[in-house]
Amino acid sequence: MRWVVWLGWVEGLSAVLLMCIATPVKYLMDAPHMVEVLGPIHGALFMAYLFALTLGVNRWWDWRTVPVGFLAASFPGGAWWFDHRLSKGLFALDEASEPVGA
């Protein structure tokens, strides 16, 4: 389960880099090269993250994980917010589940 949280952090970093650095550089400096590189990387990481969340349903988490994770990952930094909640066991299948770091 730690690899899902790690993937969420990497996906969140790619979103922040794409939306907060590469996109302004594209439009303010007329240099689309960063977006052309980071865009597909972020897209692949985003899809891999959603797939990883889907794999964890009924194994570690309940059904709410995928829609909430999708909405959170749709905003820069949202995956970090969501992964923090995964680590705390917010979406665990039962109350007795231990957090990721345990």
PDB file of N, CA and C in Angstrom:
ATOM      1  N   MET A   1       0.815  -1.188   0.000  1.00  0.00           N
ATOM      2  CA  MET A   1       0.000   0.000   0.000  1.00  0.00           C
ATOM      3  C   MET A   1       0.865   1.260   0.000  1.00  0.00           C
ATOM      4  N   ARG A   2       2.085   1.178   0.489  1.00  0.00           N
ATOM      5  CA  ARG A   2       2.963   2.351   0.494  1.00  0.00           C
ATOM      6  C   ARG A   2       3.256   2.837  -0.917  1.00  0.00           C
ATOM      7  N   TRP A   3       3.326   1.936  -1.863  1.00  0.00           N
ATOM      8  CA  TRP A   3       3.647   2.345  -3.231  1.00  0.00           C
ATOM      9  C   TRP A   3       2.531   3.205  -3.820  1.00  0.00           C
ATOM     10  N   VAL A   4       1.295   3.008  -3.384  1.00  0.00           N
ATOM     11  CA  VAL A   4       0.195   3.841  -3.871  1.00  0.00           C
ATOM     12  C   VAL A   4       0.355   5.265  -3.344  1.00  0.00           C
ATOM     13  N   VAL A   5       0.704   5.389  -2.078  1.00  0.00           N
ATOM     14  CA  VAL A   5       0.924   6.711  -1.495  1.00  0.00           C
ATOM     15  C   VAL A   5       2.115   7.382  -2.181  1.00  0.00           C
ATOM     16  N   TRP A   6       3.181   6.627  -2.416  1.00  0.00           N
ATOM     17  CA  TRP A   6       4.354   7.169  -3.121  1.00  0.00           C
ATOM     18  C   TRP A   6       3.964   7.634  -4.519  1.00  0.00           C
ATOM     19  N   LEU A   7       3.189   6.825  -5.222  1.00  0.00           N
ATOM     20  CA  LEU A   7       2.735   7.204  -6.564  1.00  0.00           C
ATOM     21  C   LEU A   7       1.892   8.474  -6.512  1.00  0.00           C
ATOM     22  N   GLY A   8       1.086   8.625  -5.490  1.00  0.00           N
ATOM     23  CA  GLY A   8       0.294   9.840  -5.315  1.00  0.00           C
ATOM     24  C   GLY A   8       1.164  11.073  -5.136  1.00  0.00           C
ATOM     25  N   TRP A   9       2.245  10.937  -4.385  1.00  0.00           N
ATOM     26  CA  TRP A   9       3.156  12.073  -4.197  1.00  0.00           C
ATOM     27  C   TRP A   9       3.849  12.442  -5.500  1.00  0.00           C
ATOM     28  N   VAL A  10       4.261  11.442  -6.261  1.00  0.00           N
ATOM     29  CA  VAL A  10       4.909  11.721  -7.548  1.00  0.00           C
ATOM     30  C   VAL A  10       3.914  12.347  -8.520  1.00  0.00           C
ATOM     31  N   GLU A  11       2.685  11.841  -8.543  1.00  0.00           N
ATOM     32  CA  GLU A  11       1.646  12.411  -9.419  1.00  0.00           C
ATOM     33  C   GLU A  11       1.347  13.853  -9.023  1.00  0.00           C
ATOM     34  N   GLY A  12       1.287  14.106  -7.725  1.00  0.00           N
ATOM     35  CA  GLY A  12       1.047  15.468  -7.252  1.00  0.00           C
ATOM     36  C   GLY A  12       2.171  16.415  -7.644  1.00  0.00           C
ATOM     37  N   LEU A  13       3.398  15.939  -7.564  1.00  0.00           N
ATOM     38  CA  LEU A  13       4.540  16.758  -7.985  1.00  0.00           C
ATOM     39  C   LEU A  13       4.470  17.062  -9.475  1.00  0.00           C
ATOM     40  N   SER A  14       4.110  16.065 -10.276  1.00  0.00           N
ATOM     41  CA  SER A  14       4.007  16.299 -11.720  1.00  0.00           C
ATOM     42  C   SER A  14       2.905  17.311 -12.036  1.00  0.00           C
ATOM     43  N   ALA A  15       1.807  17.275 -11.279  1.00  0.00           N
ATOM     44  CA  ALA A  15       0.719  18.236 -11.497  1.00  0.00           C
ATOM     45  C   ALA A  15       1.161  19.650 -11.150  1.00  0.00           C
ATOM     46  N   VAL A  16       1.851  19.794 -10.033  1.00  0.00           N
ATOM     47  CA  VAL A  16       2.328  21.118  -9.631  1.00  0.00           C
ATOM     48  C   VAL A  16       3.337  21.649 -10.633  1.00  0.00           C
ATOM     49  N   LEU A  17       4.268  20.805 -11.057  1.00  0.00           N
ATOM     50  CA  LEU A  17       5.253  21.244 -12.055  1.00  0.00           C
ATOM     51  C   LEU A  17       4.582  21.651 -13.363  1.00  0.00           C
ATOM     52  N   LEU A  18       3.616  20.853 -13.790  1.00  0.00           N
ATOM     53  CA  LEU A  18       2.941  21.140 -15.052  1.00  0.00           C
ATOM     54  C   LEU A  18       2.115  22.415 -14.974  1.00  0.00           C
ATOM     55  N   MET A  19       1.306  22.539 -13.939  1.00  0.00           N
ATOM     56  CA  MET A  19       0.354  23.654 -13.887  1.00  0.00           C
ATOM     57  C   MET A  19       0.937  24.945 -13.326  1.00  0.00           C
ATOM     58  N   CYS A  20       1.942  24.836 -12.483  1.00  0.00           N
ATOM     59  CA  CYS A  20       2.478  26.040 -11.845  1.00  0.00           C
ATOM     60  C   CYS A  20       3.795  26.528 -12.448  1.00  0.00           C
ATOM     61  N   ILE A  21       4.455  25.691 -13.221  1.00  0.00           N
ATOM     62  CA  ILE A  21       5.716  26.107 -13.844  1.00  0.00           C
ATOM     63  C   ILE A  21       5.639  26.012 -15.360  1.00  0.00           C
ATOM     64  N   ALA A  22       5.338  24.827 -15.872  1.00  0.00           N
ATOM     65  CA  ALA A  22       5.391  24.620 -17.322  1.00  0.00           C
ATOM     66  C   ALA A  22       4.324  25.415 -18.076  1.00  0.00           C
ATOM     67  N   THR A  23       3.109  25.448 -17.573  1.00  0.00           N
ATOM     68  CA  THR A  23       2.046  26.177 -18.270  1.00  0.00           C
ATOM     69  C   THR A  23       2.287  27.693 -18.290  1.00  0.00           C
ATOM     70  N   PRO A  24       2.677  28.316 -17.165  1.00  0.00           N
ATOM     71  CA  PRO A  24       3.007  29.748 -17.258  1.00  0.00           C
ATOM     72  C   PRO A  24       4.177  30.038 -18.205  1.00  0.00           C
ATOM     73  N   VAL A  25       5.183  29.160 -18.206  1.00  0.00           N
ATOM     74  CA  VAL A  25       6.307  29.354 -19.127  1.00  0.00           C
ATOM     75  C   VAL A  25       5.814  29.265 -20.567  1.00  0.00           C
ATOM     76  N   LYS A  26       4.902  28.354 -20.831  1.00  0.00           N
ATOM     77  CA  LYS A  26       4.364  28.205 -22.187  1.00  0.00           C
ATOM     78  C   LYS A  26       3.684  29.485 -22.654  1.00  0.00           C
ATOM     79  N   TYR A  27       2.842  30.046 -21.812  1.00  0.00           N
ATOM     80  CA  TYR A  27       2.052  31.199 -22.247  1.00  0.00           C
ATOM     81  C   TYR A  27       2.757  32.539 -22.056  1.00  0.00           C
ATOM     82  N   LEU A  28       3.605  32.651 -21.064  1.00  0.00           N
ATOM     83  CA  LEU A  28       4.272  33.925 -20.828  1.00  0.00           C
ATOM     84  C   LEU A  28       5.548  34.098 -21.653  1.00  0.00           C
ATOM     85  N   MET A  29       6.206  32.982 -21.951  1.00  0.00           N
ATOM     86  CA  MET A  29       7.470  33.049 -22.684  1.00  0.00           C
ATOM     87  C   MET A  29       7.382  32.399 -24.055  1.00  0.00           C
ATOM     88  N   ASP A  30       6.187  31.968 -24.420  1.00  0.00           N
ATOM     89  CA  ASP A  30       5.968  31.320 -25.713  1.00  0.00           C
ATOM     90  C   ASP A  30       6.940  30.158 -25.927  1.00  0.00           C
ATOM     91  N   ALA A  31       7.063  29.317 -24.883  1.00  0.00           N
ATOM     92  CA  ALA A  31       7.965  28.164 -24.933  1.00  0.00           C
ATOM     93  C   ALA A  31       7.193  26.918 -24.492  1.00  0.00           C
ATOM     94  N   PRO A  32       6.594  26.203 -25.433  1.00  0.00           N
ATOM     95  CA  PRO A  32       5.739  25.069 -25.082  1.00  0.00           C
ATOM     96  C   PRO A  32       6.477  23.763 -24.788  1.00  0.00           C
ATOM     97  N   HIS A  33       7.789  23.779 -24.804  1.00  0.00           N
ATOM     98  CA  HIS A  33       8.543  22.529 -24.696  1.00  0.00           C
ATOM     99  C   HIS A  33       8.348  21.820 -23.362  1.00  0.00           C
ATOM    100  N   MET A  34       8.284  22.570 -22.270  1.00  0.00           N
ATOM    101  CA  MET A  34       8.094  21.929 -20.963  1.00  0.00           C
ATOM    102  C   MET A  34       6.733  21.232 -20.879  1.00  0.00           C
ATOM    103  N   VAL A  35       5.706  21.866 -21.439  1.00  0.00           N
ATOM    104  CA  VAL A  35       4.373  21.263 -21.423  1.00  0.00           C
ATOM    105  C   VAL A  35       4.345  20.021 -22.307  1.00  0.00           C
ATOM    106  N   GLU A  36       5.045  20.083 -23.430  1.00  0.00           N
ATOM    107  CA  GLU A  36       5.085  18.920 -24.328  1.00  0.00           C
ATOM    108  C   GLU A  36       5.753  17.717 -23.674  1.00  0.00           C
ATOM    109  N   VAL A  37       6.657  17.947 -22.750  1.00  0.00           N
ATOM    110  CA  VAL A  37       7.333  16.851 -22.050  1.00  0.00           C
ATOM    111  C   VAL A  37       6.551  16.443 -20.797  1.00  0.00           C
ATOM    112  N   LEU A  38       6.210  17.430 -19.963  1.00  0.00           N
ATOM    113  CA  LEU A  38       5.543  17.130 -18.692  1.00  0.00           C
ATOM    114  C   LEU A  38       4.090  16.696 -18.848  1.00  0.00           C
ATOM    115  N   GLY A  39       3.410  17.163 -19.896  1.00  0.00           N
ATOM    116  CA  GLY A  39       2.009  16.813 -20.092  1.00  0.00           C
ATOM    117  C   GLY A  39       1.765  15.316 -20.189  1.00  0.00           C
ATOM    118  N   PRO A  40       2.435  14.625 -21.103  1.00  0.00           N
ATOM    119  CA  PRO A  40       2.240  13.176 -21.193  1.00  0.00           C
ATOM    120  C   PRO A  40       2.720  12.413 -19.954  1.00  0.00           C
ATOM    121  N   ILE A  41       3.789  12.905 -19.318  1.00  0.00           N
ATOM    122  CA  ILE A  41       4.277  12.251 -18.101  1.00  0.00           C
ATOM    123  C   ILE A  41       3.222  12.363 -17.000  1.00  0.00           C
ATOM    124  N   HIS A  42       2.687  13.561 -16.839  1.00  0.00           N
ATOM    125  CA  HIS A  42       1.639  13.750 -15.826  1.00  0.00           C
ATOM    126  C   HIS A  42       0.402  12.922 -16.162  1.00  0.00           C
ATOM    127  N   GLY A  43       0.018  12.879 -17.424  1.00  0.00           N
ATOM    128  CA  GLY A  43      -1.145  12.081 -17.821  1.00  0.00           C
ATOM    129  C   GLY A  43      -0.975  10.611 -17.494  1.00  0.00           C
ATOM    130  N   ALA A  44       0.206  10.076 -17.761  1.00  0.00           N
ATOM    131  CA  ALA A  44       0.477   8.663 -17.458  1.00  0.00           C
ATOM    132  C   ALA A  44       0.479   8.423 -15.953  1.00  0.00           C
ATOM    133  N   LEU A  45       1.067   9.334 -15.191  1.00  0.00           N
ATOM    134  CA  LEU A  45       1.084   9.186 -13.737  1.00  0.00           C
ATOM    135  C   LEU A  45      -0.321   9.296 -13.150  1.00  0.00           C
ATOM    136  N   PHE A  46      -1.131  10.204 -13.689  1.00  0.00           N
ATOM    137  CA  PHE A  46      -2.504  10.369 -13.231  1.00  0.00           C
ATOM    138  C   PHE A  46      -3.305   9.085 -13.467  1.00  0.00           C
ATOM    139  N   MET A  47      -3.189   8.517 -14.646  1.00  0.00           N
ATOM    140  CA  MET A  47      -3.913   7.277 -14.950  1.00  0.00           C
ATOM    141  C   MET A  47      -3.406   6.117 -14.095  1.00  0.00           C
ATOM    142  N   ALA A  48      -2.090   6.036 -13.895  1.00  0.00           N
ATOM    143  CA  ALA A  48      -1.525   4.978 -13.049  1.00  0.00           C
ATOM    144  C   ALA A  48      -2.007   5.124 -11.610  1.00  0.00           C
ATOM    145  N   TYR A  49      -2.113   6.359 -11.126  1.00  0.00           N
ATOM    146  CA  TYR A  49      -2.585   6.607  -9.764  1.00  0.00           C
ATOM    147  C   TYR A  49      -4.041   6.168  -9.611  1.00  0.00           C
ATOM    148  N   LEU A  50      -4.881   6.522 -10.550  1.00  0.00           N
ATOM    149  CA  LEU A  50      -6.286   6.098 -10.478  1.00  0.00           C
ATOM    150  C   LEU A  50      -6.417   4.586 -10.566  1.00  0.00           C
ATOM    151  N   PHE A  51      -5.596   3.964 -11.410  1.00  0.00           N
ATOM    152  CA  PHE A  51      -5.603   2.507 -11.512  1.00  0.00           C
ATOM    153  C   PHE A  51      -5.164   1.871 -10.193  1.00  0.00           C
ATOM    154  N   ALA A  52      -4.144   2.450  -9.562  1.00  0.00           N
ATOM    155  CA  ALA A  52      -3.667   1.931  -8.277  1.00  0.00           C
ATOM    156  C   ALA A  52      -4.740   2.066  -7.201  1.00  0.00           C
ATOM    157  N   LEU A  53      -5.457   3.192  -7.195  1.00  0.00           N
ATOM    158  CA  LEU A  53      -6.547   3.349  -6.235  1.00  0.00           C
ATOM    159  C   LEU A  53      -7.630   2.308  -6.469  1.00  0.00           C
ATOM    160  N   THR A  54      -7.930   2.053  -7.735  1.00  0.00           N
ATOM    161  CA  THR A  54      -8.944   1.053  -8.079  1.00  0.00           C
ATOM    162  C   THR A  54      -8.526  -0.334  -7.601  1.00  0.00           C
ATOM    163  N   LEU A  55      -7.240  -0.653  -7.732  1.00  0.00           N
ATOM    164  CA  LEU A  55      -6.744  -1.956  -7.267  1.00  0.00           C
ATOM    165  C   LEU A  55      -6.878  -2.113  -5.754  1.00  0.00           C
ATOM    166  N   GLY A  56      -6.792  -1.008  -5.029  1.00  0.00           N
ATOM    167  CA  GLY A  56      -6.859  -1.070  -3.572  1.00  0.00           C
ATOM    168  C   GLY A  56      -8.264  -1.185  -2.997  1.00  0.00           C
ATOM    169  N   VAL A  57      -9.289  -0.927  -3.814  1.00  0.00           N
ATOM    170  CA  VAL A  57     -10.670  -1.040  -3.328  1.00  0.00           C
ATOM    171  C   VAL A  57     -10.956  -2.502  -3.006  1.00  0.00           C
ATOM    172  N   ASN A  58     -11.578  -2.734  -1.876  1.00  0.00           N
ATOM    173  CA  ASN A  58     -11.908  -4.053  -1.325  1.00  0.00           C
ATOM    174  C   ASN A  58     -10.681  -4.835  -0.878  1.00  0.00           C
ATOM    175  N   ARG A  59      -9.500  -4.274  -1.078  1.00  0.00           N
ATOM    176  CA  ARG A  59      -8.295  -4.892  -0.544  1.00  0.00           C
ATOM    177  C   ARG A  59      -7.854  -4.114   0.696  1.00  0.00           C
ATOM    178  N   TRP A  60      -7.736  -2.795   0.547  1.00  0.00           N
ATOM    179  CA  TRP A  60      -7.327  -1.935   1.663  1.00  0.00           C
ATOM    180  C   TRP A  60      -8.381  -0.886   1.978  1.00  0.00           C
ATOM    181  N   TRP A  61      -9.109  -0.418   0.960  1.00  0.00           N
ATOM    182  CA  TRP A  61     -10.001   0.723   1.123  1.00  0.00           C
ATOM    183  C   TRP A  61     -11.417   0.388   0.673  1.00  0.00           C
ATOM    184  N   ASP A  62     -12.342   1.271   1.080  1.00  0.00           N
ATOM    185  CA  ASP A  62     -13.718   1.098   0.631  1.00  0.00           C
ATOM    186  C   ASP A  62     -13.916   1.806  -0.713  1.00  0.00           C
ATOM    187  N   TRP A  63     -15.131   1.742  -1.232  1.00  0.00           N
ATOM    188  CA  TRP A  63     -15.439   2.236  -2.584  1.00  0.00           C
ATOM    189  C   TRP A  63     -15.241   3.734  -2.727  1.00  0.00           C
ATOM    190  N   ARG A  64     -15.306   4.521  -1.645  1.00  0.00           N
ATOM    191  CA  ARG A  64     -15.167   5.979  -1.723  1.00  0.00           C
ATOM    192  C   ARG A  64     -13.781   6.424  -2.177  1.00  0.00           C
ATOM    193  N   THR A  65     -12.821   5.536  -2.102  1.00  0.00           N
ATOM    194  CA  THR A  65     -11.439   5.892  -2.415  1.00  0.00           C
ATOM    195  C   THR A  65     -11.278   6.414  -3.833  1.00  0.00           C
ATOM    196  N   VAL A  66     -11.868   5.755  -4.810  1.00  0.00           N
ATOM    197  CA  VAL A  66     -11.659   6.127  -6.216  1.00  0.00           C
ATOM    198  C   VAL A  66     -12.293   7.488  -6.549  1.00  0.00           C
ATOM    199  N   PRO A  67     -13.581   7.724  -6.259  1.00  0.00           N
ATOM    200  CA  PRO A  67     -14.120   9.047  -6.621  1.00  0.00           C
ATOM    201  C   PRO A  67     -13.468  10.200  -5.849  1.00  0.00           C
ATOM    202  N   VAL A  68     -13.203  10.016  -4.570  1.00  0.00           N
ATOM    203  CA  VAL A  68     -12.570  11.082  -3.795  1.00  0.00           C
ATOM    204  C   VAL A  68     -11.134  11.287  -4.263  1.00  0.00           C
ATOM    205  N   GLY A  69     -10.423  10.183  -4.543  1.00  0.00           N
ATOM    206  CA  GLY A  69      -9.055  10.282  -5.053  1.00  0.00           C
ATOM    207  C   GLY A  69      -8.995  10.956  -6.407  1.00  0.00           C
ATOM    208  N   PHE A  70      -9.967  10.664  -7.269  1.00  0.00           N
ATOM    209  CA  PHE A  70     -10.027  11.310  -8.587  1.00  0.00           C
ATOM    210  C   PHE A  70     -10.238  12.807  -8.442  1.00  0.00           C
ATOM    211  N   LEU A  71     -11.194  13.195  -7.615  1.00  0.00           N
ATOM    212  CA  LEU A  71     -11.453  14.622  -7.422  1.00  0.00           C
ATOM    213  C   LEU A  71     -10.248  15.325  -6.806  1.00  0.00           C
ATOM    214  N   ALA A  72      -9.632  14.713  -5.824  1.00  0.00           N
ATOM    215  CA  ALA A  72      -8.474  15.331  -5.181  1.00  0.00           C
ATOM    216  C   ALA A  72      -7.306  15.461  -6.149  1.00  0.00           C
ATOM    217  N   ALA A  73      -7.049  14.424  -6.930  1.00  0.00           N
ATOM    218  CA  ALA A  73      -5.921  14.445  -7.861  1.00  0.00           C
ATOM    219  C   ALA A  73      -6.156  15.369  -9.049  1.00  0.00           C
ATOM    220  N   SER A  74      -7.368  15.855  -9.197  1.00  0.00           N
ATOM    221  CA  SER A  74      -7.670  16.778 -10.290  1.00  0.00           C
ATOM    222  C   SER A  74      -7.178  18.197 -10.015  1.00  0.00           C
ATOM    223  N   PHE A  75      -6.728  18.458  -8.802  1.00  0.00           N
ATOM    224  CA  PHE A  75      -6.221  19.781  -8.427  1.00  0.00           C
ATOM    225  C   PHE A  75      -4.750  19.664  -8.035  1.00  0.00           C
ATOM    226  N   PRO A  76      -3.944  20.657  -8.375  1.00  0.00           N
ATOM    227  CA  PRO A  76      -2.528  20.603  -7.962  1.00  0.00           C
ATOM    228  C   PRO A  76      -2.407  20.499  -6.447  1.00  0.00           C
ATOM    229  N   GLY A  77      -1.689  19.502  -5.998  1.00  0.00           N
ATOM    230  CA  GLY A  77      -1.521  19.275  -4.566  1.00  0.00           C
ATOM    231  C   GLY A  77      -2.622  18.456  -3.931  1.00  0.00           C
ATOM    232  N   GLY A  78      -3.695  18.204  -4.638  1.00  0.00           N
ATOM    233  CA  GLY A  78      -4.810  17.439  -4.082  1.00  0.00           C
ATOM    234  C   GLY A  78      -4.457  15.999  -3.778  1.00  0.00           C
ATOM    235  N   ALA A  79      -3.590  15.414  -4.581  1.00  0.00           N
ATOM    236  CA  ALA A  79      -3.163  14.031  -4.323  1.00  0.00           C
ATOM    237  C   ALA A  79      -2.409  13.950  -2.996  1.00  0.00           C
ATOM    238  N   TRP A  80      -1.667  14.991  -2.657  1.00  0.00           N
ATOM    239  CA  TRP A  80      -0.946  14.997  -1.381  1.00  0.00           C
ATOM    240  C   TRP A  80      -1.929  15.031  -0.223  1.00  0.00           C
ATOM    241  N   TRP A  81      -2.953  15.880  -0.337  1.00  0.00           N
ATOM    242  CA  TRP A  81      -3.996  15.948   0.683  1.00  0.00           C
ATOM    243  C   TRP A  81      -4.664  14.587   0.850  1.00  0.00           C
ATOM    244  N   PHE A  82      -5.005  13.957  -0.277  1.00  0.00           N
ATOM    245  CA  PHE A  82      -5.695  12.673  -0.253  1.00  0.00           C
ATOM    246  C   PHE A  82      -4.799  11.563   0.294  1.00  0.00           C
ATOM    247  N   ASP A  83      -3.546  11.534  -0.121  1.00  0.00           N
ATOM    248  CA  ASP A  83      -2.630  10.490   0.353  1.00  0.00           C
ATOM    249  C   ASP A  83      -2.388  10.593   1.853  1.00  0.00           C
ATOM    250  N   HIS A  84      -2.407  11.803   2.376  1.00  0.00           N
ATOM    251  CA  HIS A  84      -2.284  11.971   3.826  1.00  0.00           C
ATOM    252  C   HIS A  84      -3.460  11.285   4.517  1.00  0.00           C
ATOM    253  N   ARG A  85      -4.643  11.414   3.963  1.00  0.00           N
ATOM    254  CA  ARG A  85      -5.812  10.763   4.541  1.00  0.00           C
ATOM    255  C   ARG A  85      -5.768   9.242   4.371  1.00  0.00           C
ATOM    256  N   LEU A  86      -5.215   8.779   3.252  1.00  0.00           N
ATOM    257  CA  LEU A  86      -5.028   7.331   3.095  1.00  0.00           C
ATOM    258  C   LEU A  86      -4.081   6.796   4.160  1.00  0.00           C
ATOM    259  N   SER A  87      -3.005   7.535   4.405  1.00  0.00           N
ATOM    260  CA  SER A  87      -2.020   7.107   5.397  1.00  0.00           C
ATOM    261  C   SER A  87      -2.613   7.057   6.800  1.00  0.00           C
ATOM    262  N   LYS A  88      -3.572   7.916   7.068  1.00  0.00           N
ATOM    263  CA  LYS A  88      -4.221   7.941   8.379  1.00  0.00           C
ATOM    264  C   LYS A  88      -5.328   6.901   8.503  1.00  0.00           C
ATOM    265  N   GLY A  89      -5.634   6.174   7.424  1.00  0.00           N
ATOM    266  CA  GLY A  89      -6.649   5.131   7.476  1.00  0.00           C
ATOM    267  C   GLY A  89      -8.074   5.620   7.315  1.00  0.00           C
ATOM    268  N   LEU A  90      -8.275   6.810   6.745  1.00  0.00           N
ATOM    269  CA  LEU A  90      -9.622   7.376   6.615  1.00  0.00           C
ATOM    270  C   LEU A  90     -10.539   6.507   5.754  1.00  0.00           C
ATOM    271  N   PHE A  91      -9.999   5.888   4.729  1.00  0.00           N
ATOM    272  CA  PHE A  91     -10.824   5.091   3.813  1.00  0.00           C
ATOM    273  C   PHE A  91     -10.631   3.584   4.023  1.00  0.00           C
ATOM    274  N   ALA A  92     -10.123   3.198   5.182  1.00  0.00           N
ATOM    275  CA  ALA A  92      -9.863   1.790   5.462  1.00  0.00           C
ATOM    276  C   ALA A  92     -11.170   0.991   5.471  1.00  0.00           C
ATOM    277  N   LEU A  93     -11.064  -0.287   5.177  1.00  0.00           N
ATOM    278  CA  LEU A  93     -12.243  -1.145   5.154  1.00  0.00           C
ATOM    279  C   LEU A  93     -12.885  -1.315   6.519  1.00  0.00           C
ATOM    280  N   ASP A  94     -12.081  -1.354   7.568  1.00  0.00           N
ATOM    281  CA  ASP A  94     -12.637  -1.467   8.912  1.00  0.00           C
ATOM    282  C   ASP A  94     -11.874  -0.545   9.850  1.00  0.00           C
ATOM    283  N   GLU A  95     -12.476  -0.274  11.010  1.00  0.00           N
ATOM    284  CA  GLU A  95     -11.857   0.640  11.955  1.00  0.00           C
ATOM    285  C   GLU A  95     -10.592   0.069  12.565  1.00  0.00           C
ATOM    286  N   ALA A  96     -10.414  -1.243  12.517  1.00  0.00           N
ATOM    287  CA  ALA A  96      -9.232  -1.864  13.119  1.00  0.00           C
ATOM    288  C   ALA A  96      -8.020  -1.823  12.208  1.00  0.00           C
ATOM    289  N   SER A  97      -8.149  -1.343  10.986  1.00  0.00           N
ATOM    290  CA  SER A  97      -7.018  -1.293  10.067  1.00  0.00           C
ATOM    291  C   SER A  97      -5.961  -0.330  10.576  1.00  0.00           C
ATOM    292  N   GLU A  98      -4.718  -0.723  10.375  1.00  0.00           N
ATOM    293  CA  GLU A  98      -3.611   0.113  10.807  1.00  0.00           C
ATOM    294  C   GLU A  98      -3.242   1.097   9.702  1.00  0.00           C
ATOM    295  N   PRO A  99      -2.719   2.280  10.061  1.00  0.00           N
ATOM    296  CA  PRO A  99      -2.255   3.225   9.052  1.00  0.00           C
ATOM    297  C   PRO A  99      -1.093   2.646   8.254  1.00  0.00           C
ATOM    298  N   VAL A 100      -0.778   3.283   7.143  1.00  0.00           N
ATOM    299  CA  VAL A 100       0.265   2.804   6.233  1.00  0.00           C
ATOM    300  C   VAL A 100       1.597   2.670   6.923  1.00  0.00           C
ATOM    301  N   GLY A 101       1.989   3.606   7.764  1.00  0.00           N
ATOM    302  CA  GLY A 101       3.301   3.609   8.371  1.00  0.00           C
ATOM    303  C   GLY A 101       3.472   2.576   9.474  1.00  0.00           C
ATOM    304  N   ALA A 102       2.427   1.902   9.883  1.00  0.00           N
ATOM    305  CA  ALA A 102       2.521   0.954  10.999  1.00  0.00           C
ATOM    306  C   ALA A 102       3.112  -0.364  10.583  1.00  0.00           C
TER     307      ALA A 102
END
